[in-house]
Amino acid sequence: MTNDIMLYIGSVVITLWGIAHILPTKSIVTGFEPISEDNKRIITMEWIAEGLTLCFIGLLVLFITFLGGSQNPVSLIVYRISAVMLVVMAGLSLFTGARTSIVPIKICPIVKTTVATMFFLGSVL
């Protein structure tokens, strides 16, 4: 039961973090001006792609847990692979965006690593 709670909370947190990542896209891109239209499109694409990836991971874990249960072998694989992906994304954020002065981006690696830990622990408890 504790593992399910961890999985559900982690799913909701990372999904909301992904949505929070997508919502300010326009203001983030504007903050880089003056830049070319091509660069604006690339930044927009990458910013939205990371937010969608976070939402996908969160919703995948949420639906796998709800529909398949947290103890079947496929669910365990999904939780662990999702945790690994979040750790990889946290590492990328740590060495890039977290080195900026923008506070939400600075805490991004912490949020991703925390949720990855919740997913991993949810798969072993």
Protein backbone atom coordinates (compact mmCIF):
# COMPACT_ATOMS: atom_id res chain seq x y z
CA MET A 1 0.00 0.00 0.00
CA THR A 2 2.84 2.42 0.85
CA ASN A 3 4.42 1.72 -2.51
CA ASP A 4 1.19 2.59 -4.33
CA ILE A 5 0.96 5.89 -2.46
CA MET A 6 4.56 6.72 -3.41
CA LEU A 7 3.88 5.85 -7.04
CA TYR A 8 0.69 7.91 -7.18
CA ILE A 9 2.26 10.94 -5.48
CA GLY A 10 5.33 10.73 -7.71
CA SER A 11 3.13 10.46 -10.80
CA VAL A 12 1.09 13.52 -9.87
CA VAL A 13 4.17 15.56 -8.92
CA ILE A 14 6.06 14.88 -12.15
CA THR A 15 2.95 15.40 -14.30
CA LEU A 16 2.28 18.75 -12.64
CA TRP A 17 5.97 19.64 -13.00
CA GLY A 18 5.68 18.89 -16.72
CA ILE A 19 2.60 21.09 -17.03
CA ALA A 20 4.36 23.83 -15.08
CA HIS A 21 7.23 23.46 -17.51
CA ILE A 22 4.99 23.94 -20.57
CA LEU A 23 2.81 26.85 -19.36
CA PRO A 24 5.50 29.58 -19.26
CA THR A 25 7.03 28.62 -22.63
CA LYS A 26 6.22 31.91 -24.33
CA SER A 27 7.73 34.03 -21.56
CA ILE A 28 10.80 31.79 -21.40
CA VAL A 29 11.41 32.16 -25.12
CA THR A 30 10.81 35.91 -24.92
CA GLY A 31 13.45 36.08 -22.20
CA PHE A 32 16.08 34.99 -24.73
CA GLU A 33 15.41 37.87 -27.12
CA PRO A 34 16.87 39.14 -29.31
CA ILE A 35 17.27 35.83 -31.16
CA SER A 36 16.36 34.59 -34.62
CA GLU A 37 12.98 33.05 -35.43
CA ASP A 38 14.67 29.69 -35.98
CA ASN A 39 16.22 29.81 -32.51
CA LYS A 40 12.86 30.79 -31.00
CA ARG A 41 11.27 27.76 -32.64
CA ILE A 42 14.04 25.45 -31.43
CA ILE A 43 13.83 26.71 -27.84
CA THR A 44 10.03 26.44 -27.94
CA MET A 45 10.21 22.90 -29.31
CA GLU A 46 12.75 21.76 -26.72
CA TRP A 47 10.98 23.43 -23.81
CA ILE A 48 7.65 21.85 -24.71
CA ALA A 49 9.29 18.48 -25.46
CA GLU A 50 10.74 18.27 -21.95
CA GLY A 51 7.39 19.19 -20.40
CA LEU A 52 5.56 16.60 -22.49
CA THR A 53 8.15 13.97 -21.59
CA LEU A 54 7.65 14.65 -17.89
CA CYS A 55 3.86 14.48 -18.31
CA PHE A 56 4.18 11.24 -20.27
CA ILE A 57 6.34 9.60 -17.60
CA GLY A 58 3.95 10.70 -14.86
CA LEU A 59 0.82 9.57 -16.66
CA LEU A 60 2.41 6.29 -17.73
CA VAL A 61 3.25 5.39 -14.14
CA LEU A 62 -0.16 6.60 -12.96
CA PHE A 63 -2.11 4.50 -15.47
CA ILE A 64 0.14 1.43 -15.13
CA THR A 65 -0.37 1.51 -11.37
CA PHE A 66 -4.11 2.11 -11.58
CA LEU A 67 -4.86 -0.37 -14.36
CA GLY A 68 -2.20 -3.04 -13.92
CA GLY A 69 -1.39 -2.93 -10.25
CA SER A 70 1.97 -2.10 -8.77
CA GLN A 71 3.28 -5.63 -8.29
CA ASN A 72 3.14 -7.21 -11.72
CA PRO A 73 6.46 -7.62 -13.57
CA VAL A 74 5.61 -5.17 -16.36
CA SER A 75 4.69 -2.46 -13.85
CA LEU A 76 7.99 -2.93 -12.03
CA ILE A 77 9.91 -2.54 -15.29
CA VAL A 78 7.97 0.63 -16.15
CA TYR A 79 8.69 2.14 -12.71
CA ARG A 80 12.40 1.40 -12.90
CA ILE A 81 12.84 2.57 -16.48
CA SER A 82 10.89 5.74 -15.68
CA ALA A 83 13.14 6.33 -12.66
CA VAL A 84 16.25 5.91 -14.81
CA MET A 85 14.92 8.34 -17.40
CA LEU A 86 14.18 10.92 -14.71
CA VAL A 87 17.70 10.53 -13.31
CA VAL A 88 19.15 11.04 -16.80
CA MET A 89 16.98 14.14 -17.27
CA ALA A 90 17.99 15.37 -13.81
CA GLY A 91 21.66 14.99 -14.76
CA LEU A 92 21.11 16.93 -17.96
CA SER A 93 19.31 19.66 -16.04
CA LEU A 94 22.01 19.72 -13.36
CA PHE A 95 24.78 20.44 -15.85
CA THR A 96 22.81 22.87 -18.02
CA GLY A 97 19.71 24.72 -16.80
CA ALA A 98 20.46 24.43 -13.09
CA ARG A 99 23.56 26.52 -13.63
CA THR A 100 21.37 29.52 -14.45
CA SER A 101 19.96 32.01 -11.96
CA ILE A 102 16.35 30.89 -12.58
CA VAL A 103 15.10 29.24 -9.36
CA PRO A 104 12.52 26.81 -10.86
CA ILE A 105 15.18 25.50 -13.23
CA LYS A 106 17.67 25.22 -10.36
CA ILE A 107 15.29 22.94 -8.41
CA CYS A 108 14.35 20.86 -11.47
CA PRO A 109 17.06 18.22 -10.83
CA ILE A 110 15.86 17.88 -7.23
CA VAL A 111 12.23 17.35 -8.29
CA LYS A 112 13.19 14.79 -10.95
CA THR A 113 15.54 12.89 -8.63
CA THR A 114 12.98 12.87 -5.81
CA VAL A 115 10.29 11.43 -8.07
CA ALA A 116 12.76 8.92 -9.53
CA THR A 117 13.52 7.80 -5.99
CA MET A 118 9.80 7.47 -5.25
CA PHE A 119 9.32 5.36 -8.39
CA PHE A 120 12.27 3.12 -7.55
CA LEU A 121 11.23 2.66 -3.92
CA GLY A 122 7.67 2.05 -5.08
CA SER A 123 8.99 -0.79 -7.21
CA VAL A 124 10.94 -2.51 -4.43
CA LEU A 125 8.75 -2.09 -1.33
